[in-house]
Amino acid sequence: MTLVEQIARADERSLAASALACLDRCLTPPDAGGDPEPLRPLWVSCDTGEGWAERLDAVHAAMERAASAADGGTASRVRAMLGAAPREFAAGPLRSWADACSLLALEVHREFDFPAGDADALELCRTGGAAGGGPLVTGEVLRQTEILEVLAENSGTAGGGAGLRRVLDLSAEGRRVLRAVMSRRARGRARP
């Protein structure tokens, strides 16, 4: 099943968690003293949706307060996507948001990929064609697919904590990979 098909079939819990995981992977490392996991409070609401809107507002406000002039385009895009998140914990609005978060994560990975490929290739990757996606984009498509599979397997189970824990682990792994590439690129630009 393609990534687009998985998003189309996912329930609200899976959509919220997969969208958060996409945004989580795109977060740039925090400044000294900054919160290393600013989205963490939202994960609590992914299981049942309880407190979703309140936590969403609180997390978005905290990220806006912590924003600095040094934040790059990626950080502001993540904050904008968080600000666009639906306050209603329902499949319809969450599906559109999860789809947009998926695409944002792929765009961010494409920007740091080698070769970068073009933006049109991203939709092809999401619909099952691997052509045009570099190693970072391909890895991100596979990660998003695996996350949605894990969530689907645990859908409807009481608590579902094991599925969400696995999603957090997969997302952390992806975040480490992307941050390593960002760091390497930054060091390369700093050299005379």
C-alpha atoms as a PDB file:
ATOM      1  CA  MET A   1       0.000   0.000   0.000  1.00  0.00           C
ATOM      2  CA  THR A   2       1.353   3.450  -0.858  1.00  0.00           C
ATOM      3  CA  LEU A   3       1.887   6.233   1.635  1.00  0.00           C
ATOM      4  CA  VAL A   4      -1.013   8.223   0.176  1.00  0.00           C
ATOM      5  CA  GLU A   5      -3.305   5.191   0.483  1.00  0.00           C
ATOM      6  CA  GLN A   6      -2.260   4.620   4.090  1.00  0.00           C
ATOM      7  CA  ILE A   7      -3.047   8.221   4.986  1.00  0.00           C
ATOM      8  CA  ALA A   8      -6.427   7.904   3.261  1.00  0.00           C
ATOM      9  CA  ARG A   9      -7.306   4.837   5.371  1.00  0.00           C
ATOM     10  CA  ALA A  10      -5.873   5.895   8.738  1.00  0.00           C
ATOM     11  CA  ASP A  11      -8.003   6.669  11.781  1.00  0.00           C
ATOM     12  CA  GLU A  12      -7.740   9.921  13.741  1.00  0.00           C
ATOM     13  CA  ARG A  13      -5.252   8.489  16.236  1.00  0.00           C
ATOM     14  CA  SER A  14      -2.935   7.322  13.466  1.00  0.00           C
ATOM     15  CA  LEU A  15      -3.278  10.594  11.565  1.00  0.00           C
ATOM     16  CA  ALA A  16      -2.449  12.746  14.590  1.00  0.00           C
ATOM     17  CA  ALA A  17       0.532  10.588  15.576  1.00  0.00           C
ATOM     18  CA  SER A  18       1.946  10.319  12.055  1.00  0.00           C
ATOM     19  CA  ALA A  19       1.627  14.090  11.541  1.00  0.00           C
ATOM     20  CA  LEU A  20       3.353  14.815  14.845  1.00  0.00           C
ATOM     21  CA  ALA A  21       6.098  12.352  13.970  1.00  0.00           C
ATOM     22  CA  CYS A  22       6.678  14.148  10.653  1.00  0.00           C
ATOM     23  CA  LEU A  23       6.955  17.519  12.382  1.00  0.00           C
ATOM     24  CA  ASP A  24       9.100  16.049  15.150  1.00  0.00           C
ATOM     25  CA  ARG A  25      11.681  14.813  12.645  1.00  0.00           C
ATOM     26  CA  CYS A  26      11.920  18.239  11.018  1.00  0.00           C
ATOM     27  CA  LEU A  27      12.597  20.176  14.217  1.00  0.00           C
ATOM     28  CA  THR A  28      16.003  21.771  14.299  1.00  0.00           C
ATOM     29  CA  PRO A  29      18.165  21.235  17.395  1.00  0.00           C
ATOM     30  CA  PRO A  30      17.110  23.619  20.182  1.00  0.00           C
ATOM     31  CA  ASP A  31      19.235  26.501  21.381  1.00  0.00           C
ATOM     32  CA  ALA A  32      21.079  25.965  24.654  1.00  0.00           C
ATOM     33  CA  GLY A  33      18.492  25.508  27.368  1.00  0.00           C
ATOM     34  CA  GLY A  34      15.685  24.994  24.844  1.00  0.00           C
ATOM     35  CA  ASP A  35      13.208  22.153  25.072  1.00  0.00           C
ATOM     36  CA  PRO A  36      14.643  19.191  23.121  1.00  0.00           C
ATOM     37  CA  GLU A  37      11.162  17.695  22.651  1.00  0.00           C
ATOM     38  CA  PRO A  38       8.653  20.549  22.398  1.00  0.00           C
ATOM     39  CA  LEU A  39       5.950  18.356  20.827  1.00  0.00           C
ATOM     40  CA  ARG A  40       6.003  15.795  23.658  1.00  0.00           C
ATOM     41  CA  PRO A  41       2.812  17.111  25.392  1.00  0.00           C
ATOM     42  CA  LEU A  42       0.811  16.470  22.213  1.00  0.00           C
ATOM     43  CA  TRP A  43       1.733  12.797  22.097  1.00  0.00           C
ATOM     44  CA  VAL A  44      -0.338  12.264  25.242  1.00  0.00           C
ATOM     45  CA  SER A  45      -3.469  13.303  23.328  1.00  0.00           C
ATOM     46  CA  CYS A  46      -2.835  11.037  20.344  1.00  0.00           C
ATOM     47  CA  ASP A  47      -4.382   7.970  21.940  1.00  0.00           C
ATOM     48  CA  THR A  48      -7.876   9.304  22.642  1.00  0.00           C
ATOM     49  CA  GLY A  49      -7.809  12.936  21.546  1.00  0.00           C
ATOM     50  CA  GLU A  50      -8.489  14.058  25.095  1.00  0.00           C
ATOM     51  CA  GLY A  51      -7.094  17.546  25.630  1.00  0.00           C
ATOM     52  CA  TRP A  52      -5.889  17.772  22.015  1.00  0.00           C
ATOM     53  CA  ALA A  53      -6.931  21.389  21.335  1.00  0.00           C
ATOM     54  CA  GLU A  54      -5.640  22.701  24.666  1.00  0.00           C
ATOM     55  CA  ARG A  55      -2.287  20.943  24.353  1.00  0.00           C
ATOM     56  CA  LEU A  56      -1.987  21.990  20.720  1.00  0.00           C
ATOM     57  CA  ASP A  57      -2.500  25.641  21.635  1.00  0.00           C
ATOM     58  CA  ALA A  58      -0.042  25.407  24.538  1.00  0.00           C
ATOM     59  CA  VAL A  59       2.682  23.717  22.461  1.00  0.00           C
ATOM     60  CA  HIS A  60       2.249  26.151  19.566  1.00  0.00           C
ATOM     61  CA  ALA A  61       2.427  29.145  21.934  1.00  0.00           C
ATOM     62  CA  ALA A  62       5.546  27.751  23.634  1.00  0.00           C
ATOM     63  CA  MET A  63       7.264  27.173  20.287  1.00  0.00           C
ATOM     64  CA  GLU A  64       6.400  30.699  19.140  1.00  0.00           C
ATOM     65  CA  ARG A  65       7.846  32.152  22.368  1.00  0.00           C
ATOM     66  CA  ALA A  66      11.011  30.073  21.972  1.00  0.00           C
ATOM     67  CA  ALA A  67      11.471  31.079  18.329  1.00  0.00           C
ATOM     68  CA  SER A  68      14.533  33.143  17.645  1.00  0.00           C
ATOM     69  CA  ALA A  69      15.777  35.205  14.760  1.00  0.00           C
ATOM     70  CA  ALA A  70      18.365  32.477  14.167  1.00  0.00           C
ATOM     71  CA  ASP A  71      15.649  29.907  13.405  1.00  0.00           C
ATOM     72  CA  GLY A  72      15.897  28.811   9.840  1.00  0.00           C
ATOM     73  CA  GLY A  73      13.105  28.355   7.356  1.00  0.00           C
ATOM     74  CA  THR A  74      12.517  24.790   8.512  1.00  0.00           C
ATOM     75  CA  ALA A  75      11.692  25.808  12.087  1.00  0.00           C
ATOM     76  CA  SER A  76       9.249  28.475  10.947  1.00  0.00           C
ATOM     77  CA  ARG A  77       7.598  26.022   8.542  1.00  0.00           C
ATOM     78  CA  VAL A  78       7.145  23.512  11.390  1.00  0.00           C
ATOM     79  CA  ARG A  79       5.625  26.223  13.600  1.00  0.00           C
ATOM     80  CA  ALA A  80       3.301  27.281  10.775  1.00  0.00           C
ATOM     81  CA  MET A  81       2.197  23.694  10.231  1.00  0.00           C
ATOM     82  CA  LEU A  82       1.579  23.291  13.949  1.00  0.00           C
ATOM     83  CA  GLY A  83      -0.464  26.495  13.882  1.00  0.00           C
ATOM     84  CA  ALA A  84      -2.521  25.064  11.003  1.00  0.00           C
ATOM     85  CA  ALA A  85      -3.325  21.864  12.917  1.00  0.00           C
ATOM     86  CA  PRO A  86      -7.040  21.217  13.385  1.00  0.00           C
ATOM     87  CA  ARG A  87      -8.356  21.764  16.890  1.00  0.00           C
ATOM     88  CA  GLU A  88     -10.951  19.072  16.301  1.00  0.00           C
ATOM     89  CA  PHE A  89      -9.657  15.534  16.873  1.00  0.00           C
ATOM     90  CA  ALA A  90     -11.524  13.971  13.946  1.00  0.00           C
ATOM     91  CA  ALA A  91     -10.360  11.961  10.942  1.00  0.00           C
ATOM     92  CA  GLY A  92     -11.451  14.445   8.256  1.00  0.00           C
ATOM     93  CA  PRO A  93      -9.537  17.520   9.379  1.00  0.00           C
ATOM     94  CA  LEU A  94      -6.625  15.466  10.711  1.00  0.00           C
ATOM     95  CA  ARG A  95      -6.267  13.655   7.361  1.00  0.00           C
ATOM     96  CA  SER A  96      -5.640  16.904   5.476  1.00  0.00           C
ATOM     97  CA  TRP A  97      -3.187  18.052   8.107  1.00  0.00           C
ATOM     98  CA  ALA A  98      -1.353  14.700   8.228  1.00  0.00           C
ATOM     99  CA  ASP A  99      -1.040  14.754   4.448  1.00  0.00           C
ATOM    100  CA  ALA A 100       0.442  18.274   4.562  1.00  0.00           C
ATOM    101  CA  CYS A 101       2.842  17.258   7.373  1.00  0.00           C
ATOM    102  CA  SER A 102       3.938  14.229   5.336  1.00  0.00           C
ATOM    103  CA  LEU A 103       4.705  16.429   2.367  1.00  0.00           C
ATOM    104  CA  LEU A 104       6.536  18.999   4.526  1.00  0.00           C
ATOM    105  CA  ALA A 105       8.756  16.279   6.001  1.00  0.00           C
ATOM    106  CA  LEU A 106       9.595  15.025   2.515  1.00  0.00           C
ATOM    107  CA  GLU A 107      10.343  18.574   1.315  1.00  0.00           C
ATOM    108  CA  VAL A 108      12.719  19.142   4.227  1.00  0.00           C
ATOM    109  CA  HIS A 109      14.469  15.839   3.553  1.00  0.00           C
ATOM    110  CA  ARG A 110      14.716  16.704  -0.164  1.00  0.00           C
ATOM    111  CA  GLU A 111      16.425  20.010   0.669  1.00  0.00           C
ATOM    112  CA  PHE A 112      19.240  18.124   2.414  1.00  0.00           C
ATOM    113  CA  ASP A 113      19.323  15.143   0.060  1.00  0.00           C
ATOM    114  CA  PHE A 114      21.955  14.409  -2.540  1.00  0.00           C
ATOM    115  CA  PRO A 115      20.980  14.589  -5.276  1.00  0.00           C
ATOM    116  CA  ALA A 116      18.222  16.970  -4.240  1.00  0.00           C
ATOM    117  CA  GLY A 117      15.759  15.895  -6.923  1.00  0.00           C
ATOM    118  CA  ASP A 118      12.771  18.027  -7.794  1.00  0.00           C
ATOM    119  CA  ALA A 119       9.589  18.770  -5.909  1.00  0.00           C
ATOM    120  CA  ASP A 120       7.432  16.832  -8.399  1.00  0.00           C
ATOM    121  CA  ALA A 121       9.289  13.639  -7.508  1.00  0.00           C
ATOM    122  CA  LEU A 122       7.983  13.828  -3.936  1.00  0.00           C
ATOM    123  CA  GLU A 123       4.392  13.092  -4.939  1.00  0.00           C
ATOM    124  CA  LEU A 124       5.622  10.214  -7.087  1.00  0.00           C
ATOM    125  CA  CYS A 125       7.485   8.801  -4.079  1.00  0.00           C
ATOM    126  CA  ARG A 126       4.339   9.096  -1.952  1.00  0.00           C
ATOM    127  CA  THR A 127       2.297   7.187  -4.519  1.00  0.00           C
ATOM    128  CA  GLY A 128       4.695   4.279  -4.809  1.00  0.00           C
ATOM    129  CA  GLY A 129       7.342   5.339  -7.289  1.00  0.00           C
ATOM    130  CA  ALA A 130      10.819   5.477  -5.817  1.00  0.00           C
ATOM    131  CA  ALA A 131      12.335   7.138  -8.881  1.00  0.00           C
ATOM    132  CA  GLY A 132      13.511  10.668  -8.249  1.00  0.00           C
ATOM    133  CA  GLY A 133      13.924  10.323  -4.518  1.00  0.00           C
ATOM    134  CA  GLY A 134      17.412  10.499  -3.086  1.00  0.00           C
ATOM    135  CA  PRO A 135      18.457   8.407  -0.077  1.00  0.00           C
ATOM    136  CA  LEU A 136      17.046  10.817   2.535  1.00  0.00           C
ATOM    137  CA  VAL A 137      13.673  11.135   0.783  1.00  0.00           C
ATOM    138  CA  THR A 138      13.464   7.394   0.191  1.00  0.00           C
ATOM    139  CA  GLY A 139      14.292   6.717   3.834  1.00  0.00           C
ATOM    140  CA  GLU A 140      11.657   9.232   4.954  1.00  0.00           C
ATOM    141  CA  VAL A 141       8.971   7.632   2.763  1.00  0.00           C
ATOM    142  CA  LEU A 142       9.832   4.234   4.238  1.00  0.00           C
ATOM    143  CA  ARG A 143       9.784   5.678   7.766  1.00  0.00           C
ATOM    144  CA  GLN A 144       6.378   7.310   7.260  1.00  0.00           C
ATOM    145  CA  THR A 145       5.021   4.075   5.806  1.00  0.00           C
ATOM    146  CA  GLU A 146       6.347   2.034   8.719  1.00  0.00           C
ATOM    147  CA  ILE A 147       4.893   4.482  11.232  1.00  0.00           C
ATOM    148  CA  LEU A 148       1.444   4.236   9.661  1.00  0.00           C
ATOM    149  CA  GLU A 149       1.727   0.426   9.572  1.00  0.00           C
ATOM    150  CA  VAL A 150       2.638   0.286  13.276  1.00  0.00           C
ATOM    151  CA  LEU A 151      -0.272   2.563  14.129  1.00  0.00           C
ATOM    152  CA  ALA A 152      -2.697   0.547  11.991  1.00  0.00           C
ATOM    153  CA  GLU A 153      -1.632  -2.675  13.733  1.00  0.00           C
ATOM    154  CA  ASN A 154      -2.373  -1.100  17.116  1.00  0.00           C
ATOM    155  CA  SER A 155      -5.543   0.686  16.044  1.00  0.00           C
ATOM    156  CA  GLY A 156      -8.495   0.032  18.317  1.00  0.00           C
ATOM    157  CA  THR A 157      -6.402  -1.581  21.041  1.00  0.00           C
ATOM    158  CA  ALA A 158      -6.955  -0.261  24.523  1.00  0.00           C
ATOM    159  CA  GLY A 159      -4.162   2.103  25.446  1.00  0.00           C
ATOM    160  CA  GLY A 160      -2.194   1.573  22.235  1.00  0.00           C
ATOM    161  CA  GLY A 161       0.893   2.762  24.103  1.00  0.00           C
ATOM    162  CA  ALA A 162       3.204   0.194  22.532  1.00  0.00           C
ATOM    163  CA  GLY A 163       2.371   1.483  19.060  1.00  0.00           C
ATOM    164  CA  LEU A 164       2.936   5.096  20.044  1.00  0.00           C
ATOM    165  CA  ARG A 165       6.211   4.172  21.783  1.00  0.00           C
ATOM    166  CA  ARG A 166       7.441   2.490  18.593  1.00  0.00           C
ATOM    167  CA  VAL A 167       6.421   5.570  16.569  1.00  0.00           C
ATOM    168  CA  LEU A 168       8.408   7.795  18.936  1.00  0.00           C
ATOM    169  CA  ASP A 169      11.432   5.517  18.513  1.00  0.00           C
ATOM    170  CA  LEU A 170      11.153   5.543  14.712  1.00  0.00           C
ATOM    171  CA  SER A 171      10.766   9.305  14.699  1.00  0.00           C
ATOM    172  CA  ALA A 172      13.773   9.807  16.987  1.00  0.00           C
ATOM    173  CA  GLU A 173      15.870   7.643  14.675  1.00  0.00           C
ATOM    174  CA  GLY A 174      14.793   9.723  11.674  1.00  0.00           C
ATOM    175  CA  ARG A 175      15.451  12.964  13.548  1.00  0.00           C
ATOM    176  CA  ARG A 176      19.013  11.815  14.331  1.00  0.00           C
ATOM    177  CA  VAL A 177      19.662  10.990  10.678  1.00  0.00           C
ATOM    178  CA  LEU A 178      18.373  14.338   9.408  1.00  0.00           C
ATOM    179  CA  ARG A 179      20.183  16.330  12.104  1.00  0.00           C
ATOM    180  CA  ALA A 180      23.447  14.557  11.278  1.00  0.00           C
ATOM    181  CA  VAL A 181      23.072  15.562   7.635  1.00  0.00           C
ATOM    182  CA  MET A 182      22.158  19.146   8.618  1.00  0.00           C
ATOM    183  CA  SER A 183      25.195  19.312  10.895  1.00  0.00           C
ATOM    184  CA  ARG A 184      27.519  17.930   8.234  1.00  0.00           C
ATOM    185  CA  ARG A 185      26.248  20.460   5.716  1.00  0.00           C
ATOM    186  CA  ALA A 186      26.642  23.322   8.212  1.00  0.00           C
ATOM    187  CA  ARG A 187      30.244  22.286   8.933  1.00  0.00           C
ATOM    188  CA  GLY A 188      30.936  22.117   5.205  1.00  0.00           C
ATOM    189  CA  ARG A 189      29.673  25.686   4.721  1.00  0.00           C
ATOM    190  CA  ALA A 190      31.767  26.942   7.630  1.00  0.00           C
ATOM    191  CA  ARG A 191      35.032  25.814   6.051  1.00  0.00           C
ATOM    192  CA  PRO A 192      37.058  28.476   4.217  1.00  0.00           C
END
